[in-house]
Every structure is written in C-alpha cells, then in structure tokens.
Amino acid sequence: PCALRSNTSCAECLQNVTCLWCTPTKQCIDYPVRNILPPRSVCPLNDARWGLCWVNFQILIITMSVLAGVIITAILVCFCCCKCERVGTKREDAKVERQARARKTRQKAKRTEMQLRHDEIRQKYG
C-alpha cells in the first residue's frame, strides 16, 4: 500500500504508520520492520522520515540517545546521593550517641559527687 503513495507528498505518505518517506527520491516505502532502523540502501537516515515529516531518523536517534544518557545519569546521581546521605546520617547518629553517653557519664559523676558531699554534711551535722 505504501508504494502507491510514491511521488505524492510526505504528509500523504505518512498518514499510514507503516510507511517510510524518503525525501530525495520522493518515494513512499513500506517500513522495513525486520530492522530497527531502515538500512542505508533503502534510504539514508538523514533523509528518512517516519511519523512526522519534519523529524529525520538521524536527529531522532541523537535525541533519543541524549535523553537516555541524561536519564541514566540522573538515576545514577540520585542513587549515589541517597547512598552518601545514608552513610552521612549513620555517622551523625553515631556521633550524637557518643555525645549522649559522655553527657550521661558526666551527670552520673556529678550526682555521685553531690551524694558524697551531702553524706559528709549529714555526718558532720547529723
């Protein structure tokens, strides 16, 4: 069905999603579904149109690659940041716990010292 639309316009050819428009030859070709990308023998990538007349395969591939790279980089950055944050939080928790233990030890020592002083006073005036 696509070959019948050759020598017409890109818009008319691409009304059918199974068709591929080759700009220099003005041919409407059945999309070669066995290949992910149309081979150069069918139509060069920068001249092939599919879906929209203003988007060529070369730009589409570059755009998709860049988007995939950005998404993968964003996922890796998020993963690394979350992992580093958890490590930092564990360190902070350990530091707070050490400080709390030191405070309790000082309080216990002061309490013992006060108790001894009170005992001395009781014995003296007792």
Protein backbone atom coordinates (compact mmCIF):
# COMPACT_ATOMS: atom_id res chain seq x y z
CA PRO A 1 0.00 0.00 0.00
CA CYS A 2 2.87 2.45 0.64
CA ALA A 3 4.35 2.22 -2.87
CA LEU A 4 1.08 3.63 -4.26
CA ARG A 5 1.78 6.88 -2.37
CA SER A 6 5.18 7.47 -4.02
CA ASN A 7 5.64 10.76 -5.87
CA THR A 8 2.94 12.39 -3.72
CA SER A 9 3.82 14.27 -0.52
CA CYS A 10 5.45 13.32 2.75
CA ALA A 11 2.29 14.11 4.72
CA GLU A 12 0.17 11.87 2.49
CA CYS A 13 2.69 9.02 2.72
CA LEU A 14 2.99 9.20 6.50
CA GLN A 15 -0.76 9.02 7.08
CA ASN A 16 -0.11 5.29 7.19
CA VAL A 17 2.21 4.48 10.14
CA THR A 18 3.73 1.50 8.31
CA CYS A 19 5.17 3.80 5.62
CA LEU A 20 8.56 5.48 5.40
CA TRP A 21 9.16 8.59 3.28
CA CYS A 22 12.50 9.05 1.54
CA THR A 23 12.96 12.76 0.79
CA PRO A 24 15.44 12.84 -2.15
CA THR A 25 13.70 10.10 -4.14
CA LYS A 26 10.19 11.16 -3.03
CA GLN A 27 9.35 7.51 -2.55
CA CYS A 28 6.93 6.08 -0.03
CA ILE A 29 8.31 2.74 1.14
CA ASP A 30 6.98 0.05 3.45
CA TYR A 31 8.92 0.39 6.71
CA PRO A 32 11.48 -2.44 6.90
CA VAL A 33 10.20 -3.95 10.16
CA ARG A 34 12.91 -6.64 10.27
CA ASN A 35 15.45 -3.90 11.02
CA ILE A 36 15.16 -1.43 13.86
CA LEU A 37 16.49 1.31 11.60
CA PRO A 38 15.99 1.45 7.85
CA PRO A 39 19.17 0.34 6.04
CA ARG A 40 21.13 2.91 4.05
CA SER A 41 20.30 1.01 0.85
CA VAL A 42 16.60 1.80 1.40
CA CYS A 43 17.10 5.46 2.37
CA PRO A 44 19.89 7.36 4.19
CA LEU A 45 18.98 8.08 7.83
CA ASN A 46 19.13 11.87 7.46
CA ASP A 47 16.67 11.68 4.54
CA ALA A 48 14.26 9.12 6.01
CA ARG A 49 11.03 10.37 7.58
CA TRP A 50 8.66 8.31 9.69
CA GLY A 51 5.72 9.52 11.75
CA LEU A 52 6.38 13.24 11.19
CA CYS A 53 7.73 14.90 8.05
CA TRP A 54 9.99 17.33 9.93
CA VAL A 55 11.79 14.67 12.03
CA ASN A 56 14.54 12.66 10.34
CA PHE A 57 15.92 9.44 11.77
CA GLN A 58 19.38 10.84 12.42
CA ILE A 59 18.04 13.62 14.67
CA LEU A 60 15.63 11.17 16.28
CA ILE A 61 18.46 8.74 17.15
CA ILE A 62 20.69 11.52 18.51
CA THR A 63 17.83 12.96 20.60
CA MET A 64 16.84 9.56 21.98
CA SER A 65 20.49 8.79 22.84
CA VAL A 66 20.97 12.10 24.63
CA LEU A 67 17.70 11.66 26.56
CA ALA A 68 18.65 8.12 27.55
CA GLY A 69 22.06 9.38 28.71
CA VAL A 70 20.51 12.17 30.76
CA ILE A 71 18.00 9.80 32.37
CA ILE A 72 20.69 7.23 33.22
CA THR A 73 22.96 9.95 34.63
CA ALA A 74 20.10 11.37 36.72
CA ILE A 75 19.30 7.92 38.12
CA LEU A 76 22.96 7.30 38.99
CA VAL A 77 23.31 10.72 40.65
CA CYS A 78 20.13 10.15 42.70
CA PHE A 79 21.33 6.68 43.71
CA CYS A 80 24.78 7.95 44.74
CA CYS A 81 23.36 10.94 46.64
CA CYS A 82 20.92 8.76 48.57
CA LYS A 83 23.66 6.27 49.42
CA CYS A 84 26.07 9.00 50.54
CA GLU A 85 23.32 10.68 52.58
CA ARG A 86 22.59 7.41 54.40
CA VAL A 87 26.29 6.97 55.22
CA GLY A 88 26.46 10.56 56.49
CA THR A 89 23.34 10.05 58.60
CA LYS A 90 24.81 6.92 60.19
CA ARG A 91 27.98 8.83 61.08
CA GLU A 92 25.94 11.70 62.52
CA ASP A 93 23.80 9.26 64.57
CA ALA A 94 26.93 7.58 65.96
CA LYS A 95 28.40 10.98 66.92
CA VAL A 96 25.18 12.05 68.67
CA GLU A 97 25.07 8.73 70.52
CA ARG A 98 28.69 9.13 71.71
CA GLN A 99 27.94 12.64 72.93
CA ALA A 100 24.84 11.43 74.80
CA ARG A 101 26.86 8.67 76.50
CA ALA A 102 29.55 11.17 77.52
CA ARG A 103 26.88 13.51 78.93
CA LYS A 104 25.30 10.68 80.95
CA THR A 105 28.72 9.70 82.32
CA ARG A 106 29.41 13.30 83.42
CA GLN A 107 25.95 13.56 85.01
CA LYS A 108 26.48 10.32 86.91
CA ALA A 109 29.87 11.53 88.17
CA LYS A 110 28.35 14.85 89.34
CA ARG A 111 25.46 13.03 91.01
CA THR A 112 27.89 10.75 92.85
CA GLU A 113 29.99 13.77 93.91
CA MET A 114 26.89 15.60 95.21
CA GLN A 115 25.78 12.48 97.09
CA LEU A 116 29.20 12.25 98.78
CA ARG A 117 29.05 15.93 99.75
CA HIS A 118 25.55 15.50 101.18
CA ASP A 119 26.67 12.44 103.12
CA GLU A 120 29.63 14.40 104.59
CA ILE A 121 27.30 17.23 105.64
CA ARG A 122 24.90 14.76 107.26
CA GLN A 123 27.75 13.11 109.18
CA LYS A 124 29.12 16.46 110.29
CA TYR A 125 25.79 17.94 111.45
CA GLY A 126 23.93 14.72 111.74
